[in-house]
């Protein structure tokens, strides 16, 4: 009988915990996904901007003859 009562209490605790987890997933996870997507898009824009600037600088230096094949500057 003691085992049965322990099982009922454990089941009630598990059900309550599961309900809280389900509520959190349905309410918070979509917002977290949107926030993560926004941050990834911002990081992508920053990365593209940085790479474009570096590419432009490298092309400018190569056109000006300031970088030789050996990799040294002037």
PDB file of N, CA and C in Angstrom:
ATOM      1  N   UNK A   1       0.826  -1.194   0.000  1.00  0.00           N
ATOM      2  CA  UNK A   1       0.000   0.000   0.000  1.00  0.00           C
ATOM      3  C   UNK A   1       0.872   1.260   0.000  1.00  0.00           C
ATOM      4  N   UNK A   2       1.990   1.219   0.722  1.00  0.00           N
ATOM      5  CA  UNK A   2       2.893   2.360   0.783  1.00  0.00           C
ATOM      6  C   UNK A   2       3.499   2.627  -0.603  1.00  0.00           C
ATOM      7  N   UNK A   3       3.803   1.567  -1.324  1.00  0.00           N
ATOM      8  CA  UNK A   3       4.345   1.721  -2.675  1.00  0.00           C
ATOM      9  C   UNK A   3       3.340   2.367  -3.608  1.00  0.00           C
ATOM     10  N   UNK A   4       2.068   1.995  -3.460  1.00  0.00           N
ATOM     11  CA  UNK A   4       1.019   2.582  -4.291  1.00  0.00           C
ATOM     12  C   UNK A   4       0.907   4.082  -4.015  1.00  0.00           C
ATOM     13  N   UNK A   5       0.899   4.478  -2.761  1.00  0.00           N
ATOM     14  CA  UNK A   5       0.802   5.894  -2.409  1.00  0.00           C
ATOM     15  C   UNK A   5       2.014   6.677  -2.904  1.00  0.00           C
ATOM     16  N   UNK A   6       3.195   6.075  -2.768  1.00  0.00           N
ATOM     17  CA  UNK A   6       4.393   6.719  -3.291  1.00  0.00           C
ATOM     18  C   UNK A   6       4.279   6.899  -4.806  1.00  0.00           C
ATOM     19  N   UNK A   7       3.738   5.908  -5.509  1.00  0.00           N
ATOM     20  CA  UNK A   7       3.552   6.006  -6.949  1.00  0.00           C
ATOM     21  C   UNK A   7       2.580   7.102  -7.331  1.00  0.00           C
ATOM     22  N   UNK A   8       1.504   7.260  -6.548  1.00  0.00           N
ATOM     23  CA  UNK A   8       0.525   8.317  -6.823  1.00  0.00           C
ATOM     24  C   UNK A   8       1.167   9.686  -6.649  1.00  0.00           C
ATOM     25  N   UNK A   9       1.918   9.853  -5.579  1.00  0.00           N
ATOM     26  CA  UNK A   9       2.584  11.137  -5.335  1.00  0.00           C
ATOM     27  C   UNK A   9       3.615  11.418  -6.429  1.00  0.00           C
ATOM     28  N   UNK A  10       4.398  10.414  -6.778  1.00  0.00           N
ATOM     29  CA  UNK A  10       5.402  10.592  -7.828  1.00  0.00           C
ATOM     30  C   UNK A  10       4.735  10.918  -9.169  1.00  0.00           C
ATOM     31  N   UNK A  11       3.620  10.274  -9.462  1.00  0.00           N
ATOM     32  CA  UNK A  11       2.891  10.555 -10.696  1.00  0.00           C
ATOM     33  C   UNK A  11       2.335  11.966 -10.723  1.00  0.00           C
ATOM     34  N   UNK A  12       1.829  12.431  -9.589  1.00  0.00           N
ATOM     35  CA  UNK A  12       1.296  13.794  -9.516  1.00  0.00           C
ATOM     36  C   UNK A  12       2.408  14.823  -9.711  1.00  0.00           C
ATOM     37  N   UNK A  13       3.561  14.559  -9.103  1.00  0.00           N
ATOM     38  CA  UNK A  13       4.698  15.473  -9.276  1.00  0.00           C
ATOM     39  C   UNK A  13       5.149  15.479 -10.738  1.00  0.00           C
ATOM     40  N   UNK A  14       5.226  14.322 -11.345  1.00  0.00           N
ATOM     41  CA  UNK A  14       5.650  14.232 -12.749  1.00  0.00           C
ATOM     42  C   UNK A  14       4.648  14.932 -13.663  1.00  0.00           C
ATOM     43  N   UNK A  15       3.355  14.762 -13.406  1.00  0.00           N
ATOM     44  CA  UNK A  15       2.337  15.405 -14.237  1.00  0.00           C
ATOM     45  C   UNK A  15       2.412  16.922 -14.114  1.00  0.00           C
ATOM     46  N   UNK A  16       2.616  17.413 -12.905  1.00  0.00           N
ATOM     47  CA  UNK A  16       2.728  18.857 -12.697  1.00  0.00           C
ATOM     48  C   UNK A  16       3.962  19.408 -13.406  1.00  0.00           C
ATOM     49  N   UNK A  17       5.074  18.710 -13.267  1.00  0.00           N
ATOM     50  CA  UNK A  17       6.308  19.117 -13.920  1.00  0.00           C
ATOM     51  C   UNK A  17       6.127  19.125 -15.434  1.00  0.00           C
ATOM     52  N   UNK A  18       5.523  18.078 -15.976  1.00  0.00           N
ATOM     53  CA  UNK A  18       5.319  17.985 -17.421  1.00  0.00           C
ATOM     54  C   UNK A  18       4.409  19.102 -17.914  1.00  0.00           C
ATOM     55  N   UNK A  19       3.374  19.438 -17.152  1.00  0.00           N
ATOM     56  CA  UNK A  19       2.471  20.516 -17.542  1.00  0.00           C
ATOM     57  C   UNK A  19       3.235  21.841 -17.584  1.00  0.00           C
ATOM     58  N   UNK A  20       4.108  22.077 -16.614  1.00  0.00           N
ATOM     59  CA  UNK A  20       4.898  23.306 -16.608  1.00  0.00           C
ATOM     60  C   UNK A  20       5.856  23.366 -17.794  1.00  0.00           C
ATOM     61  N   UNK A  21       6.460  22.231 -18.109  1.00  0.00           N
ATOM     62  CA  UNK A  21       7.371  22.178 -19.261  1.00  0.00           C
ATOM     63  C   UNK A  21       6.598  22.429 -20.550  1.00  0.00           C
ATOM     64  N   UNK A  22       5.434  21.819 -20.688  1.00  0.00           N
ATOM     65  CA  UNK A  22       4.624  22.012 -21.899  1.00  0.00           C
ATOM     66  C   UNK A  22       4.176  23.461 -22.034  1.00  0.00           C
ATOM     67  N   UNK A  23       3.788  24.068 -20.918  1.00  0.00           N
ATOM     68  CA  UNK A  23       3.368  25.470 -20.936  1.00  0.00           C
ATOM     69  C   UNK A  23       4.536  26.365 -21.347  1.00  0.00           C
ATOM     70  N   UNK A  24       5.718  26.104 -20.804  1.00  0.00           N
ATOM     71  CA  UNK A  24       6.906  26.878 -21.165  1.00  0.00           C
ATOM     72  C   UNK A  24       7.206  26.741 -22.650  1.00  0.00           C
ATOM     73  N   UNK A  25       7.141  25.499 -23.151  1.00  0.00           N
ATOM     74  CA  UNK A  25       7.426  25.283 -24.569  1.00  0.00           C
ATOM     75  C   UNK A  25       6.448  26.016 -25.457  1.00  0.00           C
ATOM     76  N   UNK A  26       5.185  26.005 -25.119  1.00  0.00           N
ATOM     77  CA  UNK A  26       4.193  26.630 -25.988  1.00  0.00           C
ATOM     78  C   UNK A  26       4.230  28.151 -25.914  1.00  0.00           C
ATOM     79  N   UNK A  27       4.650  28.700 -24.766  1.00  0.00           N
ATOM     80  CA  UNK A  27       4.640  30.151 -24.616  1.00  0.00           C
ATOM     81  C   UNK A  27       5.978  30.807 -24.927  1.00  0.00           C
ATOM     82  N   UNK A  28       7.082  30.224 -24.501  1.00  0.00           N
ATOM     83  CA  UNK A  28       8.373  30.888 -24.567  1.00  0.00           C
ATOM     84  C   UNK A  28       9.237  30.475 -25.749  1.00  0.00           C
ATOM     85  N   UNK A  29       9.151  29.234 -26.163  1.00  0.00           N
ATOM     86  CA  UNK A  29      10.078  28.753 -27.194  1.00  0.00           C
ATOM     87  C   UNK A  29       9.914  29.496 -28.515  1.00  0.00           C
ATOM     88  N   UNK A  30       8.695  29.774 -28.994  1.00  0.00           N
ATOM     89  CA  UNK A  30       8.610  30.541 -30.247  1.00  0.00           C
ATOM     90  C   UNK A  30       9.282  31.903 -30.149  1.00  0.00           C
ATOM     91  N   UNK A  31       9.126  32.600 -29.013  1.00  0.00           N
ATOM     92  CA  UNK A  31       9.790  33.891 -28.843  1.00  0.00           C
ATOM     93  C   UNK A  31      11.311  33.726 -28.845  1.00  0.00           C
ATOM     94  N   UNK A  32      11.784  32.699 -28.181  1.00  0.00           N
ATOM     95  CA  UNK A  32      13.227  32.451 -28.154  1.00  0.00           C
ATOM     96  C   UNK A  32      13.761  32.147 -29.549  1.00  0.00           C
ATOM     97  N   UNK A  33      12.994  31.417 -30.325  1.00  0.00           N
ATOM     98  CA  UNK A  33      13.420  31.110 -31.705  1.00  0.00           C
ATOM     99  C   UNK A  33      13.525  32.376 -32.533  1.00  0.00           C
ATOM    100  N   UNK A  34      12.539  33.269 -32.406  1.00  0.00           N
ATOM    101  CA  UNK A  34      12.579  34.519 -33.161  1.00  0.00           C
ATOM    102  C   UNK A  34      13.757  35.389 -32.722  1.00  0.00           C
ATOM    103  N   UNK A  35      14.013  35.441 -31.422  1.00  0.00           N
ATOM    104  CA  UNK A  35      15.149  36.214 -30.934  1.00  0.00           C
ATOM    105  C   UNK A  35      16.464  35.643 -31.457  1.00  0.00           C
ATOM    106  N   UNK A  36      16.584  34.330 -31.446  1.00  0.00           N
ATOM    107  CA  UNK A  36      17.806  33.697 -31.947  1.00  0.00           C
ATOM    108  C   UNK A  36      17.973  33.967 -33.442  1.00  0.00           C
ATOM    109  N   UNK A  37      16.877  33.884 -34.194  1.00  0.00           N
ATOM    110  CA  UNK A  37      16.951  34.146 -35.632  1.00  0.00           C
ATOM    111  C   UNK A  37      17.359  35.590 -35.905  1.00  0.00           C
ATOM    112  N   UNK A  38      16.822  36.523 -35.135  1.00  0.00           N
ATOM    113  CA  UNK A  38      17.191  37.938 -35.310  1.00  0.00           C
ATOM    114  C   UNK A  38      18.674  38.155 -35.023  1.00  0.00           C
ATOM    115  N   UNK A  39      19.178  37.533 -33.967  1.00  0.00           N
ATOM    116  CA  UNK A  39      20.598  37.690 -33.626  1.00  0.00           C
ATOM    117  C   UNK A  39      21.490  37.059 -34.686  1.00  0.00           C
ATOM    118  N   UNK A  40      21.082  35.905 -35.219  1.00  0.00           N
ATOM    119  CA  UNK A  40      21.879  35.268 -36.280  1.00  0.00           C
ATOM    120  C   UNK A  40      21.885  36.117 -37.545  1.00  0.00           C
ATOM    121  N   UNK A  41      20.759  36.731 -37.880  1.00  0.00           N
ATOM    122  CA  UNK A  41      20.707  37.597 -39.056  1.00  0.00           C
ATOM    123  C   UNK A  41      21.601  38.825 -38.867  1.00  0.00           C
ATOM    124  N   UNK A  42      21.600  39.393 -37.676  1.00  0.00           N
ATOM    125  CA  UNK A  42      22.462  40.546 -37.404  1.00  0.00           C
ATOM    126  C   UNK A  42      23.931  40.150 -37.497  1.00  0.00           C
ATOM    127  N   UNK A  43      24.272  38.979 -36.971  1.00  0.00           N
ATOM    128  CA  UNK A  43      25.656  38.501 -37.055  1.00  0.00           C
ATOM    129  C   UNK A  43      26.053  38.266 -38.507  1.00  0.00           C
ATOM    130  N   UNK A  44      25.114  37.736 -39.299  1.00  0.00           N
ATOM    131  CA  UNK A  44      25.400  37.507 -40.719  1.00  0.00           C
ATOM    132  C   UNK A  44      25.656  38.831 -41.435  1.00  0.00           C
ATOM    133  N   UNK A  45      24.832  39.839 -41.155  1.00  0.00           N
ATOM    134  CA  UNK A  45      25.032  41.154 -41.788  1.00  0.00           C
ATOM    135  C   UNK A  45      26.390  41.740 -41.409  1.00  0.00           C
ATOM    136  N   UNK A  46      26.751  41.627 -40.133  1.00  0.00           N
ATOM    137  CA  UNK A  46      28.049  42.140 -39.698  1.00  0.00           C
ATOM    138  C   UNK A  46      29.193  41.403 -40.373  1.00  0.00           C
ATOM    139  N   UNK A  47      29.073  40.090 -40.495  1.00  0.00           N
ATOM    140  CA  UNK A  47      30.117  39.278 -41.124  1.00  0.00           C
ATOM    141  C   UNK A  47      30.261  39.643 -42.599  1.00  0.00           C
ATOM    142  N   UNK A  48      29.143  39.776 -43.282  1.00  0.00           N
ATOM    143  CA  UNK A  48      29.190  40.128 -44.705  1.00  0.00           C
ATOM    144  C   UNK A  48      29.821  41.508 -44.884  1.00  0.00           C
ATOM    145  N   UNK A  49      29.440  42.448 -44.025  1.00  0.00           N
ATOM    146  CA  UNK A  49      30.016  43.796 -44.112  1.00  0.00           C
ATOM    147  C   UNK A  49      31.528  43.752 -43.890  1.00  0.00           C
ATOM    148  N   UNK A  50      31.981  43.015 -42.898  1.00  0.00           N
ATOM    149  CA  UNK A  50      33.403  42.912 -42.600  1.00  0.00           C
ATOM    150  C   UNK A  50      34.162  42.257 -43.744  1.00  0.00           C
ATOM    151  N   UNK A  51      33.613  41.168 -44.279  1.00  0.00           N
ATOM    152  CA  UNK A  51      34.279  40.479 -45.388  1.00  0.00           C
ATOM    153  C   UNK A  51      34.311  41.335 -46.652  1.00  0.00           C
ATOM    154  N   UNK A  52      33.242  42.077 -46.907  1.00  0.00           N
ATOM    155  CA  UNK A  52      33.237  42.978 -48.064  1.00  0.00           C
ATOM    156  C   UNK A  52      34.295  44.066 -47.913  1.00  0.00           C
ATOM    157  N   UNK A  53      34.406  44.620 -46.709  1.00  0.00           N
ATOM    158  CA  UNK A  53      35.405  45.666 -46.477  1.00  0.00           C
ATOM    159  C   UNK A  53      36.816  45.099 -46.645  1.00  0.00           C
ATOM    160  N   UNK A  54      37.063  43.910 -46.125  1.00  0.00           N
ATOM    161  CA  UNK A  54      38.387  43.294 -46.254  1.00  0.00           C
ATOM    162  C   UNK A  54      38.694  42.968 -47.709  1.00  0.00           C
ATOM    163  N   UNK A  55      37.701  42.489 -48.433  1.00  0.00           N
ATOM    164  CA  UNK A  55      37.894  42.166 -49.844  1.00  0.00           C
ATOM    165  C   UNK A  55      38.202  43.422 -50.654  1.00  0.00           C
ATOM    166  N   UNK A  56      37.481  44.487 -50.374  1.00  0.00           N
ATOM    167  CA  UNK A  56      37.714  45.751 -51.069  1.00  0.00           C
ATOM    168  C   UNK A  56      39.113  46.277 -50.782  1.00  0.00           C
ATOM    169  N   UNK A  57      39.524  46.194 -49.520  1.00  0.00           N
ATOM    170  CA  UNK A  57      40.860  46.661 -49.140  1.00  0.00           C
ATOM    171  C   UNK A  57      41.942  45.832 -49.817  1.00  0.00           C
ATOM    172  N   UNK A  58      41.770  44.505 -49.820  1.00  0.00           N
ATOM    173  CA  UNK A  58      42.760  43.634 -50.452  1.00  0.00           C
ATOM    174  C   UNK A  58      42.839  43.899 -51.954  1.00  0.00           C
ATOM    175  N   UNK A  59      41.693  44.056 -52.592  1.00  0.00           N
ATOM    176  CA  UNK A  59      41.683  44.330 -54.029  1.00  0.00           C
ATOM    177  C   UNK A  59      42.353  45.666 -54.326  1.00  0.00           C
ATOM    178  N   UNK A  60      42.102  46.648 -53.487  1.00  0.00           N
ATOM    179  CA  UNK A  60      42.715  47.960 -53.674  1.00  0.00           C
ATOM    180  C   UNK A  60      44.235  47.882 -53.546  1.00  0.00           C
ATOM    181  N   UNK A  61      44.700  47.146 -52.532  1.00  0.00           N
ATOM    182  CA  UNK A  61      46.143  46.999 -52.353  1.00  0.00           C
ATOM    183  C   UNK A  61      46.776  46.237 -53.507  1.00  0.00           C
ATOM    184  N   UNK A  62      46.088  45.207 -53.989  1.00  0.00           N
ATOM    185  CA  UNK A  62      46.631  44.436 -55.119  1.00  0.00           C
ATOM    186  C   UNK A  62      46.689  45.290 -56.379  1.00  0.00           C
ATOM    187  N   UNK A  63      45.641  46.086 -56.617  1.00  0.00           N
ATOM    188  CA  UNK A  63      45.635  46.944 -57.804  1.00  0.00           C
ATOM    189  C   UNK A  63      46.731  48.006 -57.709  1.00  0.00           C
ATOM    190  N   UNK A  64      47.023  48.453 -56.513  1.00  0.00           N
ATOM    191  CA  UNK A  64      48.042  49.483 -56.344  1.00  0.00           C
ATOM    192  C   UNK A  64      49.441  48.909 -56.335  1.00  0.00           C
ATOM    193  N   UNK A  65      49.586  47.598 -56.410  1.00  0.00           N
ATOM    194  CA  UNK A  65      50.888  46.973 -56.435  1.00  0.00           C
ATOM    195  C   UNK A  65      51.589  46.984 -55.092  1.00  0.00           C
ATOM    196  N   UNK A  66      50.851  47.140 -54.025  1.00  0.00           N
ATOM    197  CA  UNK A  66      51.458  47.221 -52.705  1.00  0.00           C
ATOM    198  C   UNK A  66      51.690  45.861 -52.074  1.00  0.00           C
ATOM    199  N   UNK A  67      51.066  44.828 -52.608  1.00  0.00           N
ATOM    200  CA  UNK A  67      51.281  43.483 -52.098  1.00  0.00           C
ATOM    201  C   UNK A  67      51.937  42.665 -53.199  1.00  0.00           C
ATOM    202  N   UNK A  68      53.076  42.079 -52.877  1.00  0.00           N
ATOM    203  CA  UNK A  68      53.776  41.277 -53.858  1.00  0.00           C
ATOM    204  C   UNK A  68      53.361  39.818 -53.713  1.00  0.00           C
ATOM    205  N   UNK A  69      53.811  38.986 -54.600  1.00  0.00           N
ATOM    206  CA  UNK A  69      53.470  37.575 -54.568  1.00  0.00           C
ATOM    207  C   UNK A  69      54.018  36.902 -53.326  1.00  0.00           C
ATOM    208  N   UNK A  70      55.132  37.384 -52.815  1.00  0.00           N
ATOM    209  CA  UNK A  70      55.739  36.787 -51.630  1.00  0.00           C
ATOM    210  C   UNK A  70      54.965  37.149 -50.372  1.00  0.00           C
ATOM    211  N   UNK A  71      54.014  38.079 -50.435  1.00  0.00           N
ATOM    212  CA  UNK A  71      53.205  38.401 -49.292  1.00  0.00           C
ATOM    213  C   UNK A  71      53.666  39.606 -48.518  1.00  0.00           C
ATOM    214  N   UNK A  72      54.768  40.182 -48.868  1.00  0.00           N
ATOM    215  CA  UNK A  72      55.258  41.356 -48.139  1.00  0.00           C
ATOM    216  C   UNK A  72      54.678  42.633 -48.676  1.00  0.00           C
ATOM    217  N   UNK A  73      54.569  43.608 -47.835  1.00  0.00           N
ATOM    218  CA  UNK A  73      54.108  44.923 -48.262  1.00  0.00           C
ATOM    219  C   UNK A  73      55.258  45.710 -48.845  1.00  0.00           C
ATOM    220  N   UNK A  74      55.037  47.013 -49.107  1.00  0.00           N
ATOM    221  CA  UNK A  74      56.101  47.828 -49.693  1.00  0.00           C
ATOM    222  C   UNK A  74      57.081  48.323 -48.676  1.00  0.00           C
TER     223      UNK A  74
END
